[in-house]
Amino acid sequence: METERREHERAHLEIAPLDYISWMPDFIIHHILSFLRARDVTCTSMLSRTWNRIWSTYPYVVFHFSYNNYATEQEQLPDDLHMAMQKQDFLILIGNSIHRRLKQEFRVQRFQLYIDFPDIELLEPNMDQWIGIAVQRTVPELALCVDSFSGSNRSYYSVPQSVLLAGSLKALSLSGCRFESSLDIKLPHLQKLSLSHIPFADKFLFYKILSGCPVIEYVKVSFCKWMDTLLSVSSLPHLKYFEFLYSDEVDRILIDVSGLHTFSFASSIGNWPRNIDLATCKELKELKLRGVTANFFPQPLISQLLALEVLELQHCHGSEGFRISSQRLKKLAFRDCHHFSGAEIDTPNLEFFEYCNCDEPFIPIKASNQIQIHLRFSLRGKTVDWVVKLKDFISKLRYFEDLKFVIYHRSKNVIIHEKLSEVGFSSLCHFMHPKYICISTKSYTNILDELFPLVYPKTIFVVYSSSKIIELVSQKMKDVVNDPTLLHKLVDFEMDTSKDSEHPSDPATELFIEAHSTTLFKTAAIVLHWKYDVSKHSVTL
């Protein structure tokens, strides 16, 4: 008996380490599951009775329903009566799922409902009932996304009064919904509000919503139908983050919130807005602008924002040069900015500088020698003087020896040189029309992550002195082979490190490799075999 007991204990010790997670308290497992997709969390319920119990008390309740998917699985009958019955069956299925999940005794932390259904008149009373159950459970986080299309016409779900008087709500996200002007809005504990694809019935409705949220800290508005050319926000002492994206024509922005830390704006059309007034935002640390005209900034704007640490400009346009001078600025990014005549950048404490696909050179005249950089550009239109100025700038950086160098040529060849410090800048004259040249402190993994969704090279030439970079690129190629999201699938790749290997390339690539082949540096060729994945490409007739 003693021997059997010891053997049982030994067997238990050998098996136990395989299931450490099940030994953890439920709240820790719930926290781990919160990083997974809702579908993956649901799948864990089938692992065992223990995991089914853990799932049944999971406080993040997320539902995704699509009538289109449901309908394709059913027999398609043109009869109106059968179509109506099918819609009712779909709504009953949803109702049963939601009731079954919410009737269980556990604390609901978040209730998310995403639904695609074409008939808003049928959907609305059911939605009111489902949301009412969640509100009765005093859920602190509520997210509703409604897609109701009949042909090209979109209908909007009317937000019920119970939601706008829910004292328990701390986070509210609404998409494809509308507000009735007559509703009362009293959300005394709401801290986070996100509104997307909302039609504002009048120009005062948005301000009425904000005034009903006295402790709001985060506001995001995107793709909404705006009724006014003025965007004005004030009298919100707790507001820290405000984001306003692609919401029709806003001609003037006036933000009067002294404690605001981050402001993001993206224009839905070019050359808007004509004025941005953030003068009273004395604590603003991050400013992100996309698709606006640059005639009014950054001189007046930056000079007012003494606490600014992050400035990001994307798809911004302007016909004049400008100057950025700031002692506090730590991060500066230009992405796809065109038609500038140049920029003078005086930022002695800048820690990160990004310059991608812009017409004119934006090179800091003053910056920290510890600055991290990410430059992606074409030499088209650049002068020899600019190349010299670029070399002078980067050669003074503390991390010059560690900078990554990548060329993607229009011949679909990629060249990677392990050491930028060994690259002869005079050889770049052979690449006056490459897709882009990248010089960066980012890792090669991050650079290649940016590359492969955009381009599908035939060959990657790696000029290296250490086999570590070969191993890194090879591992990245293995990851790309297993990536199901790419429009072109990488079927296979071949690594050739032999000295006498020959692979088809263009004259510029051959000249570069010949100029940089030394006793210290070898060249490896990685030939990539792509296959176009038709299933990833949809055509609408």
Protein backbone atom coordinates (compact mmCIF):
# COMPACT_ATOMS: atom_id res chain seq x y z
CA MET A 1 0.00 0.00 0.00
CA GLU A 2 2.84 2.36 0.85
CA THR A 3 4.47 1.65 -2.49
CA GLU A 4 1.22 2.32 -4.37
CA ARG A 5 0.77 5.60 -2.46
CA ARG A 6 4.28 6.78 -3.39
CA GLU A 7 3.79 5.79 -7.03
CA HIS A 8 0.51 7.73 -7.08
CA GLU A 9 2.22 10.82 -5.59
CA ARG A 10 5.08 10.53 -8.07
CA ALA A 11 2.65 10.24 -11.00
CA HIS A 12 0.76 13.29 -9.70
CA LEU A 13 3.98 15.31 -9.50
CA GLU A 14 4.84 14.37 -13.07
CA ILE A 15 1.43 15.36 -14.44
CA ALA A 16 0.69 18.43 -12.33
CA PRO A 17 3.15 20.86 -13.99
CA LEU A 18 1.24 20.44 -17.25
CA ASP A 19 -1.77 22.33 -15.85
CA TYR A 20 -0.42 25.14 -13.72
CA ILE A 21 -2.98 27.59 -15.13
CA SER A 22 -5.96 25.68 -13.71
CA TRP A 23 -4.48 26.06 -10.24
CA MET A 24 -4.54 29.84 -10.46
CA PRO A 25 -7.37 31.87 -8.90
CA ASP A 26 -10.22 32.64 -11.30
CA PHE A 27 -9.58 36.39 -11.33
CA ILE A 28 -6.00 35.84 -12.55
CA ILE A 29 -7.17 33.47 -15.31
CA HIS A 30 -9.84 36.02 -16.28
CA HIS A 31 -7.14 38.66 -16.57
CA ILE A 32 -5.08 36.37 -18.84
CA LEU A 33 -8.12 35.61 -21.00
CA SER A 34 -8.83 39.34 -21.41
CA PHE A 35 -5.85 39.50 -23.83
CA LEU A 36 -7.48 36.95 -26.17
CA ARG A 37 -10.20 37.34 -28.78
CA ALA A 38 -13.73 36.60 -27.56
CA ARG A 39 -13.94 33.59 -29.90
CA ASP A 40 -10.78 32.06 -28.42
CA VAL A 41 -12.02 32.64 -24.88
CA THR A 42 -15.28 30.84 -25.70
CA CYS A 43 -13.34 27.88 -27.09
CA THR A 44 -11.66 27.34 -23.72
CA SER A 45 -15.05 26.32 -22.28
CA MET A 46 -14.77 23.01 -24.16
CA LEU A 47 -11.46 22.00 -22.58
CA SER A 48 -12.88 20.62 -19.34
CA ARG A 49 -15.53 21.21 -16.68
CA THR A 50 -13.11 23.46 -14.83
CA TRP A 51 -12.55 25.63 -17.90
CA ASN A 52 -16.30 25.70 -18.63
CA ARG A 53 -16.86 27.06 -15.11
CA ILE A 54 -14.12 29.65 -15.62
CA TRP A 55 -15.67 30.76 -18.92
CA SER A 56 -19.19 30.92 -17.44
CA THR A 57 -17.98 33.46 -14.86
CA TYR A 58 -15.77 35.42 -17.28
CA PRO A 59 -16.70 39.07 -16.63
CA TYR A 60 -16.13 40.30 -20.22
CA VAL A 61 -19.26 39.35 -22.18
CA VAL A 62 -18.74 39.82 -25.92
CA PHE A 63 -21.21 38.93 -28.69
CA HIS A 64 -20.73 39.16 -32.48
CA PHE A 65 -23.79 38.47 -34.62
CA SER A 66 -24.12 38.84 -38.41
CA TYR A 67 -27.44 38.20 -40.12
CA ASN A 68 -25.69 37.97 -43.51
CA ASN A 69 -23.59 35.02 -42.33
CA TYR A 70 -26.63 33.43 -40.69
CA ALA A 71 -28.73 33.83 -43.82
CA THR A 72 -26.19 32.19 -46.13
CA GLU A 73 -26.26 29.11 -43.95
CA GLN A 74 -30.04 28.81 -44.27
CA GLU A 75 -32.12 27.85 -47.30
CA GLN A 76 -32.62 31.02 -49.34
CA LEU A 77 -36.32 31.51 -50.10
CA PRO A 78 -37.59 34.61 -51.90
CA ASP A 79 -40.95 34.50 -50.17
CA ASP A 80 -41.44 37.57 -47.91
CA LEU A 81 -43.10 35.49 -45.18
CA HIS A 82 -40.21 33.06 -45.00
CA MET A 83 -37.74 35.95 -44.98
CA ALA A 84 -39.56 37.55 -42.05
CA MET A 85 -39.59 34.24 -40.18
CA GLN A 86 -35.88 33.85 -40.81
CA LYS A 87 -35.19 37.29 -39.31
CA GLN A 88 -37.31 36.45 -36.27
CA ASP A 89 -35.45 33.16 -35.80
CA PHE A 90 -32.17 35.05 -35.94
CA LEU A 91 -33.30 37.53 -33.27
CA ILE A 92 -34.64 34.73 -31.05
CA LEU A 93 -31.29 32.95 -31.33
CA ILE A 94 -29.48 36.10 -30.24
CA GLY A 95 -31.91 36.74 -27.38
CA ASN A 96 -31.53 33.21 -26.05
CA SER A 97 -27.73 33.48 -26.14
CA ILE A 98 -27.68 36.82 -24.31
CA HIS A 99 -30.27 35.77 -21.69
CA ARG A 100 -28.48 32.48 -21.04
CA ARG A 101 -25.16 34.29 -20.55
CA LEU A 102 -26.41 37.16 -18.39
CA LYS A 103 -28.76 35.21 -16.14
CA GLN A 104 -25.76 33.53 -14.49
CA GLU A 105 -24.64 34.97 -11.18
CA PHE A 106 -21.34 36.69 -11.84
CA ARG A 107 -20.17 40.28 -12.00
CA VAL A 108 -20.25 41.62 -15.55
CA GLN A 109 -17.34 44.01 -16.08
CA ARG A 110 -17.89 44.64 -19.79
CA PHE A 111 -20.81 44.00 -22.16
CA GLN A 112 -20.00 44.26 -25.89
CA LEU A 113 -22.55 43.66 -28.61
CA TYR A 114 -21.67 43.84 -32.32
CA ILE A 115 -24.61 43.13 -34.62
CA ASP A 116 -25.17 43.29 -38.38
CA PHE A 117 -28.91 43.22 -39.13
CA PRO A 118 -30.79 44.91 -42.03
CA ASP A 119 -34.17 45.64 -40.40
CA ILE A 120 -33.83 48.33 -37.70
CA GLU A 121 -37.58 48.26 -36.90
CA LEU A 122 -37.39 44.60 -35.92
CA LEU A 123 -34.04 44.97 -34.20
CA GLU A 124 -34.72 48.05 -32.05
CA PRO A 125 -37.18 46.59 -29.46
CA ASN A 126 -34.97 43.53 -29.04
CA MET A 127 -31.88 45.69 -28.58
CA ASP A 128 -33.68 47.74 -25.93
CA GLN A 129 -34.45 44.54 -24.02
CA TRP A 130 -30.91 43.11 -24.24
CA ILE A 131 -29.26 46.38 -23.25
CA GLY A 132 -31.75 46.83 -20.45
CA ILE A 133 -30.59 43.54 -18.94
CA ALA A 134 -26.96 44.69 -19.08
CA VAL A 135 -27.82 48.05 -17.48
CA GLN A 136 -29.74 46.27 -14.72
CA ARG A 137 -26.59 44.27 -14.01
CA THR A 138 -24.87 47.67 -13.37
CA VAL A 139 -22.24 46.95 -16.01
CA PRO A 140 -19.43 49.56 -15.88
CA GLU A 141 -18.33 49.13 -19.53
CA LEU A 142 -20.80 49.04 -22.43
CA ALA A 143 -19.95 48.82 -26.16
CA LEU A 144 -22.58 48.73 -28.93
CA CYS A 145 -21.84 48.49 -32.64
CA VAL A 146 -24.84 48.31 -34.98
CA ASP A 147 -24.59 47.87 -38.75
CA SER A 148 -28.07 48.14 -40.25
CA PHE A 149 -27.98 48.54 -44.02
CA SER A 150 -30.78 48.15 -46.53
CA GLY A 151 -28.96 48.39 -49.83
CA SER A 152 -26.75 51.48 -49.58
CA ASN A 153 -28.97 53.17 -46.97
CA ARG A 154 -27.93 53.00 -43.36
CA SER A 155 -30.32 53.05 -40.42
CA TYR A 156 -29.30 53.96 -36.88
CA TYR A 157 -30.25 52.41 -33.59
CA SER A 158 -31.77 54.92 -31.18
CA VAL A 159 -29.90 54.86 -27.86
CA PRO A 160 -32.43 54.21 -25.05
CA GLN A 161 -32.82 56.58 -22.13
CA SER A 162 -31.73 53.87 -19.67
CA VAL A 163 -28.19 53.92 -21.10
CA LEU A 164 -27.87 57.69 -20.80
CA LEU A 165 -28.93 57.60 -17.14
CA ALA A 166 -26.80 54.58 -16.15
CA GLY A 167 -24.95 55.71 -13.06
CA SER A 168 -22.71 52.62 -13.11
CA LEU A 169 -21.18 53.34 -16.54
CA LYS A 170 -17.50 54.27 -16.63
CA ALA A 171 -16.84 53.49 -20.31
CA LEU A 172 -19.31 53.81 -23.20
CA SER A 173 -18.63 53.04 -26.88
CA LEU A 174 -21.35 53.54 -29.52
CA SER A 175 -21.20 52.95 -33.27
CA GLY A 176 -24.08 53.11 -35.74
CA CYS A 177 -26.37 54.68 -33.14
CA ARG A 178 -28.25 57.97 -32.82
CA PHE A 179 -29.32 60.22 -29.98
CA GLU A 180 -32.77 61.72 -29.66
CA SER A 181 -32.48 65.43 -28.80
CA SER A 182 -35.18 65.13 -26.14
CA LEU A 183 -33.26 62.60 -24.03
CA ASP A 184 -31.71 63.47 -20.69
CA ILE A 185 -28.01 62.68 -20.38
CA LYS A 186 -26.66 62.14 -16.87
CA LEU A 187 -23.61 59.90 -16.67
CA PRO A 188 -21.98 61.01 -13.42
CA HIS A 189 -19.19 58.40 -13.43
CA LEU A 190 -18.43 58.11 -17.15
CA GLN A 191 -14.69 58.46 -17.80
CA LYS A 192 -14.33 57.16 -21.36
CA LEU A 193 -16.60 57.91 -24.34
CA SER A 194 -16.17 56.71 -27.94
CA LEU A 195 -18.63 57.72 -30.69
CA SER A 196 -18.34 56.37 -34.24
CA HIS A 197 -20.68 56.69 -37.24
CA ILE A 198 -23.12 58.84 -35.27
CA PRO A 199 -25.44 61.33 -37.02
CA PHE A 200 -25.71 64.44 -34.84
CA ALA A 201 -29.20 65.86 -35.33
CA ASP A 202 -28.17 69.39 -34.38
CA LYS A 203 -24.98 71.29 -33.58
CA PHE A 204 -25.73 71.45 -29.85
CA LEU A 205 -26.21 67.71 -29.28
CA PHE A 206 -22.51 66.88 -28.87
CA TYR A 207 -22.04 69.59 -26.25
CA LYS A 208 -25.15 68.34 -24.44
CA ILE A 209 -23.61 64.89 -24.29
CA LEU A 210 -20.33 66.21 -22.90
CA SER A 211 -22.06 68.40 -20.33
CA GLY A 212 -23.78 65.29 -18.98
CA CYS A 213 -20.39 63.65 -18.32
CA PRO A 214 -18.78 65.84 -15.62
CA VAL A 215 -15.78 63.55 -14.94
CA ILE A 216 -15.04 62.52 -18.53
CA GLU A 217 -11.33 61.89 -19.19
CA TYR A 218 -11.23 60.35 -22.70
CA VAL A 219 -13.31 61.31 -25.77
CA LYS A 220 -12.99 59.87 -29.26
CA VAL A 221 -15.24 60.95 -32.16
CA SER A 222 -14.75 59.31 -35.57
CA PHE A 223 -16.64 59.19 -38.89
CA CYS A 224 -19.61 61.12 -37.52
CA LYS A 225 -22.02 63.40 -39.40
CA TRP A 226 -21.17 66.83 -38.03
CA MET A 227 -23.66 69.71 -38.16
CA ASP A 228 -21.35 72.65 -37.47
CA THR A 229 -18.15 74.15 -38.88
CA LEU A 230 -16.99 74.87 -35.32
CA LEU A 231 -15.60 72.25 -32.95
CA SER A 232 -15.51 73.76 -29.47
CA VAL A 233 -14.73 71.91 -26.26
CA SER A 234 -14.52 73.57 -22.84
CA SER A 235 -15.50 73.28 -19.17
CA LEU A 236 -14.27 69.71 -18.78
CA PRO A 237 -11.70 69.87 -15.98
CA HIS A 238 -10.90 66.13 -16.05
CA LEU A 239 -10.52 65.71 -19.84
CA LYS A 240 -7.05 64.38 -20.71
CA TYR A 241 -7.45 62.83 -24.16
CA PHE A 242 -9.53 64.13 -27.09
CA GLU A 243 -9.54 62.60 -30.57
CA PHE A 244 -11.64 63.90 -33.49
CA LEU A 245 -11.25 61.92 -36.73
CA TYR A 246 -12.80 62.15 -40.21
CA SER A 247 -16.04 63.83 -39.19
CA ASP A 248 -17.00 66.08 -42.10
CA GLU A 249 -15.99 69.72 -42.59
CA VAL A 250 -14.78 71.41 -39.43
CA ASP A 251 -13.51 74.88 -40.29
CA ARG A 252 -12.41 76.00 -36.82
CA ILE A 253 -11.23 74.14 -33.74
CA LEU A 254 -11.32 75.75 -30.31
CA ILE A 255 -10.20 73.61 -27.37
CA ASP A 256 -10.30 75.37 -24.01
CA VAL A 257 -9.26 72.60 -21.60
CA SER A 258 -6.26 73.51 -19.48
CA GLY A 259 -5.56 69.93 -18.34
CA LEU A 260 -5.69 68.28 -21.79
CA HIS A 261 -2.68 66.01 -22.43
CA THR A 262 -3.38 64.62 -25.94
CA PHE A 263 -5.21 66.07 -28.94
CA SER A 264 -5.61 64.20 -32.24
CA PHE A 265 -7.35 65.50 -35.34
CA ALA A 266 -7.80 64.01 -38.81
CA SER A 267 -9.55 65.89 -41.59
CA SER A 268 -12.11 64.16 -43.79
CA ILE A 269 -11.16 66.38 -46.75
CA GLY A 270 -8.05 68.35 -47.68
CA ASN A 271 -7.19 71.83 -46.41
CA TRP A 272 -9.43 71.68 -43.35
CA PRO A 273 -9.55 73.12 -40.76
CA ARG A 274 -8.37 76.69 -41.36
CA ASN A 275 -7.76 77.44 -37.70
CA ILE A 276 -6.76 75.45 -34.61
CA ASP A 277 -6.76 77.25 -31.26
CA LEU A 278 -5.17 75.33 -28.39
CA ALA A 279 -3.75 78.37 -26.62
CA THR A 280 -5.24 77.54 -23.23
CA CYS A 281 -4.07 73.89 -23.29
CA LYS A 282 -1.00 74.64 -21.21
CA GLU A 283 -0.43 70.99 -20.24
CA LEU A 284 -0.75 69.52 -23.76
CA LYS A 285 1.96 66.90 -24.29
CA GLU A 286 0.88 65.17 -27.52
CA LEU A 287 -0.42 66.75 -30.74
CA LYS A 288 -1.28 64.53 -33.71
CA LEU A 289 -2.60 66.07 -36.93
CA ARG A 290 -3.54 64.30 -40.16
CA GLY A 291 -4.68 65.73 -43.48
CA VAL A 292 -4.63 69.43 -42.56
CA THR A 293 -3.10 72.44 -44.27
CA ALA A 294 0.14 73.65 -42.76
CA ASN A 295 -0.20 77.37 -43.56
CA PHE A 296 -1.14 78.18 -39.96
CA PHE A 297 1.32 75.91 -38.18
CA PRO A 298 3.60 75.02 -36.61
CA GLN A 299 5.15 78.39 -35.69
CA PRO A 300 2.14 79.97 -33.92
CA LEU A 301 0.86 76.68 -32.56
CA ILE A 302 4.11 75.24 -31.21
CA SER A 303 5.13 78.51 -29.57
CA GLN A 304 1.96 78.37 -27.46
CA LEU A 305 2.39 74.74 -26.38
CA LEU A 306 5.34 74.96 -24.03
CA ALA A 307 4.77 71.49 -22.53
CA LEU A 308 4.54 69.69 -25.89
CA GLU A 309 6.63 66.50 -26.08
CA VAL A 310 5.15 64.64 -29.09
CA LEU A 311 4.28 66.13 -32.49
CA GLU A 312 3.07 63.86 -35.31
CA LEU A 313 2.12 65.22 -38.76
CA GLN A 314 0.68 62.89 -41.40
CA HIS A 315 -0.65 63.72 -44.88
CA CYS A 316 -0.26 67.41 -44.08
CA HIS A 317 0.22 69.91 -46.89
CA GLY A 318 1.68 73.38 -47.17
CA SER A 319 3.28 75.66 -49.70
CA GLU A 320 5.62 77.42 -47.29
CA GLY A 321 8.61 76.44 -45.19
CA PHE A 322 8.35 76.52 -41.43
CA ARG A 323 10.37 76.36 -38.25
CA ILE A 324 9.95 74.10 -35.21
CA SER A 325 11.80 75.28 -32.15
CA SER A 326 11.17 73.56 -28.84
CA GLN A 327 13.19 72.66 -25.76
CA ARG A 328 10.64 70.07 -24.55
CA LEU A 329 9.89 68.18 -27.75
CA LYS A 330 10.96 64.52 -27.51
CA LYS A 331 9.24 62.87 -30.49
CA LEU A 332 8.74 64.38 -33.96
CA ALA A 333 7.22 62.49 -36.90
CA PHE A 334 6.54 63.51 -40.51
CA ARG A 335 4.65 60.94 -42.59
CA ASP A 336 3.55 61.47 -46.20
CA CYS A 337 3.78 65.26 -45.94
CA HIS A 338 4.00 66.97 -49.32
CA HIS A 339 4.53 70.33 -51.00
CA PHE A 340 6.53 71.88 -48.17
CA SER A 341 9.44 74.05 -49.23
CA GLY A 342 11.46 72.80 -46.26
CA ALA A 343 11.65 72.93 -42.49
CA GLU A 344 14.07 74.21 -39.90
CA ILE A 345 14.03 72.00 -36.82
CA ASP A 346 15.69 73.20 -33.63
CA THR A 347 14.91 70.58 -30.98
CA PRO A 348 17.99 69.94 -28.80
CA ASN A 349 16.25 67.35 -26.59
CA LEU A 350 14.58 65.35 -29.37
CA GLU A 351 14.71 61.61 -28.58
CA PHE A 352 12.90 60.13 -31.62
CA PHE A 353 12.68 61.48 -35.17
CA GLU A 354 10.63 59.86 -37.95
CA TYR A 355 10.63 60.98 -41.57
CA CYS A 356 8.70 58.85 -44.07
CA ASN A 357 7.78 59.51 -47.69
CA CYS A 358 7.94 63.31 -47.68
CA ASP A 359 8.82 65.60 -50.59
CA GLU A 360 11.31 67.87 -48.89
CA PRO A 361 14.11 67.13 -46.41
CA PHE A 362 13.30 67.64 -42.74
CA ILE A 363 16.60 67.11 -40.95
CA PRO A 364 17.03 68.49 -37.43
CA ILE A 365 19.77 71.09 -37.13
CA LYS A 366 19.87 70.43 -33.39
CA ALA A 367 18.97 67.21 -31.59
CA SER A 368 20.21 64.95 -28.83
CA ASN A 369 23.12 62.74 -29.91
CA GLN A 370 21.15 59.84 -28.38
CA ILE A 371 18.23 60.39 -30.75
CA GLN A 372 16.48 57.33 -32.21
CA ILE A 373 15.56 57.74 -35.89
CA HIS A 374 13.45 56.09 -38.56
CA LEU A 375 13.98 57.56 -42.04
CA ARG A 376 12.25 56.17 -45.12
CA PHE A 377 12.63 58.15 -48.31
CA SER A 378 13.25 58.10 -52.06
CA LEU A 379 16.18 59.93 -53.61
CA ARG A 380 13.93 61.20 -56.37
CA GLY A 381 14.26 64.99 -56.40
CA LYS A 382 16.97 65.01 -53.72
CA THR A 383 20.25 66.81 -54.44
CA VAL A 384 23.82 65.71 -53.72
CA ASP A 385 23.96 68.45 -51.08
CA TRP A 386 21.01 66.87 -49.31
CA VAL A 387 22.71 63.45 -49.27
CA VAL A 388 25.84 65.09 -47.79
CA LYS A 389 23.73 66.87 -45.18
CA LEU A 390 21.98 63.59 -44.33
CA LYS A 391 25.30 61.79 -43.89
CA ASP A 392 26.61 64.60 -41.70
CA PHE A 393 23.48 64.41 -39.50
CA ILE A 394 23.45 60.66 -38.93
CA SER A 395 27.24 60.31 -38.56
CA LYS A 396 27.07 62.48 -35.45
CA LEU A 397 24.54 60.22 -33.74
CA ARG A 398 25.65 58.16 -30.80
CA TYR A 399 24.00 55.07 -32.34
CA PHE A 400 25.53 55.57 -35.78
CA GLU A 401 27.27 52.18 -35.67
CA ASP A 402 23.98 50.42 -34.92
CA LEU A 403 21.82 52.04 -37.60
CA LYS A 404 20.01 49.64 -39.94
CA PHE A 405 20.20 50.19 -43.70
CA VAL A 406 17.64 48.76 -46.16
CA ILE A 407 17.06 49.54 -49.85
CA TYR A 408 14.00 48.36 -51.72
CA HIS A 409 14.66 48.84 -55.43
CA ARG A 410 11.99 49.04 -58.12
CA SER A 411 13.47 45.86 -59.63
CA LYS A 412 11.96 44.10 -56.57
CA ASN A 413 15.34 43.50 -54.94
CA VAL A 414 15.90 44.30 -51.28
CA ILE A 415 19.40 45.07 -50.01
CA ILE A 416 20.25 44.94 -46.31
CA HIS A 417 23.63 46.12 -45.11
CA GLU A 418 24.50 45.11 -41.57
CA LYS A 419 26.55 48.26 -40.88
CA LEU A 420 25.44 51.64 -42.16
CA SER A 421 28.81 53.04 -41.09
CA GLU A 422 30.40 50.91 -43.84
CA VAL A 423 28.06 52.11 -46.58
CA GLY A 424 29.56 54.50 -49.10
CA PHE A 425 26.99 57.25 -49.53
CA SER A 426 28.42 58.00 -52.97
CA SER A 427 27.13 54.59 -54.09
CA LEU A 428 23.57 55.72 -53.45
CA CYS A 429 23.68 57.74 -56.67
CA HIS A 430 22.99 54.45 -58.47
CA PHE A 431 19.63 54.30 -56.66
CA MET A 432 18.05 57.55 -57.77
CA HIS A 433 14.71 55.80 -58.31
CA PRO A 434 14.36 53.11 -55.62
CA LYS A 435 11.03 52.33 -53.99
CA TYR A 436 12.58 53.60 -50.80
CA ILE A 437 15.71 53.72 -48.68
CA CYS A 438 15.34 53.07 -44.95
CA ILE A 439 17.82 54.16 -42.28
CA SER A 440 16.62 53.31 -38.80
CA THR A 441 17.42 52.45 -35.21
CA LYS A 442 14.46 50.05 -35.25
CA SER A 443 15.19 46.34 -35.30
CA TYR A 444 15.33 44.51 -38.61
CA THR A 445 12.29 42.52 -37.48
CA ASN A 446 10.24 45.72 -37.10
CA ILE A 447 11.49 47.11 -40.41
CA LEU A 448 10.60 43.90 -42.25
CA ASP A 449 7.21 43.85 -40.52
CA GLU A 450 6.52 47.21 -42.18
CA LEU A 451 7.89 46.01 -45.52
CA PHE A 452 6.04 42.80 -46.28
CA PRO A 453 2.42 43.95 -46.20
CA LEU A 454 3.43 46.56 -48.82
CA VAL A 455 5.90 44.83 -51.15
CA TYR A 456 6.80 41.31 -52.23
CA PRO A 457 10.49 41.26 -53.23
CA LYS A 458 12.03 38.62 -55.48
CA THR A 459 15.41 38.54 -53.76
CA ILE A 460 16.86 39.86 -50.52
CA PHE A 461 20.62 40.50 -50.61
CA VAL A 462 22.22 40.68 -47.16
CA VAL A 463 25.68 42.19 -46.78
CA TYR A 464 26.90 40.86 -43.44
CA SER A 465 29.87 40.20 -41.21
CA SER A 466 28.03 38.22 -38.54
CA SER A 467 25.82 35.18 -39.11
CA LYS A 468 23.39 36.55 -36.51
CA ILE A 469 21.68 38.80 -39.04
CA ILE A 470 21.33 35.88 -41.47
CA GLU A 471 19.63 33.84 -38.75
CA LEU A 472 17.36 36.77 -37.92
CA VAL A 473 16.25 37.34 -41.52
CA SER A 474 15.82 33.62 -42.07
CA GLN A 475 13.56 33.34 -39.02
CA LYS A 476 11.56 36.30 -40.27
CA MET A 477 11.04 34.55 -43.60
CA LYS A 478 9.75 31.47 -41.77
CA ASP A 479 7.26 33.71 -39.97
CA VAL A 480 6.15 35.21 -43.30
CA VAL A 481 5.62 31.71 -44.74
CA ASN A 482 3.14 31.07 -41.91
CA ASP A 483 1.44 34.49 -42.13
CA PRO A 484 -2.15 33.96 -43.41
CA THR A 485 -2.94 37.68 -43.76
CA LEU A 486 -0.72 38.60 -46.71
CA LEU A 487 -2.25 39.12 -50.16
CA HIS A 488 0.68 37.19 -51.64
CA LYS A 489 1.65 33.99 -49.85
CA LEU A 490 5.33 33.20 -49.41
CA VAL A 491 5.42 29.56 -50.51
CA ASP A 492 9.12 28.98 -49.92
CA PHE A 493 12.51 30.69 -49.83
CA GLU A 494 16.09 29.65 -50.56
CA MET A 495 19.17 30.87 -48.70
CA ASP A 496 22.40 30.99 -50.69
CA THR A 497 25.59 32.12 -48.90
CA SER A 498 28.09 30.73 -51.42
CA LYS A 499 30.62 33.23 -52.72
CA ASP A 500 30.11 32.42 -56.39
CA SER A 501 26.31 32.34 -56.37
CA GLU A 502 24.56 34.13 -59.20
CA HIS A 503 21.04 35.50 -59.00
CA PRO A 504 19.23 37.80 -61.41
CA SER A 505 19.52 41.41 -60.28
CA ASP A 506 19.64 44.89 -61.73
CA PRO A 507 22.84 46.88 -62.51
CA ALA A 508 22.42 49.20 -59.49
CA THR A 509 22.17 46.23 -57.11
CA GLU A 510 25.19 44.56 -58.68
CA LEU A 511 27.27 47.73 -58.41
CA PHE A 512 26.31 48.18 -54.76
CA ILE A 513 27.15 44.59 -53.82
CA GLU A 514 30.44 44.72 -55.71
CA ALA A 515 31.42 48.00 -54.02
CA HIS A 516 30.66 46.62 -50.54
CA SER A 517 32.10 43.11 -50.86
CA THR A 518 35.27 43.12 -48.74
CA THR A 519 37.28 40.69 -46.68
CA LEU A 520 35.07 41.56 -43.67
CA PHE A 521 31.67 41.48 -45.38
CA LYS A 522 30.03 38.63 -47.29
CA THR A 523 26.81 38.65 -49.31
CA ALA A 524 23.95 36.18 -48.96
CA ALA A 525 21.03 35.93 -51.38
CA ILE A 526 17.58 34.92 -50.18
CA VAL A 527 15.32 34.02 -53.12
CA LEU A 528 11.61 34.30 -52.33
CA HIS A 529 8.82 32.37 -54.06
CA TRP A 530 5.46 34.14 -53.82
CA LYS A 531 2.02 32.95 -54.83
CA TYR A 532 -0.89 35.33 -55.27
CA ASP A 533 -3.74 34.40 -52.94
CA VAL A 534 -6.97 35.06 -54.85
CA SER A 535 -9.10 34.40 -51.76
CA LYS A 536 -7.62 37.50 -50.07
CA HIS A 537 -8.74 39.77 -52.91
CA SER A 538 -12.39 40.64 -53.39
CA VAL A 539 -13.84 42.37 -56.42
CA THR A 540 -17.13 44.27 -56.18
CA LEU A 541 -19.14 44.52 -59.40
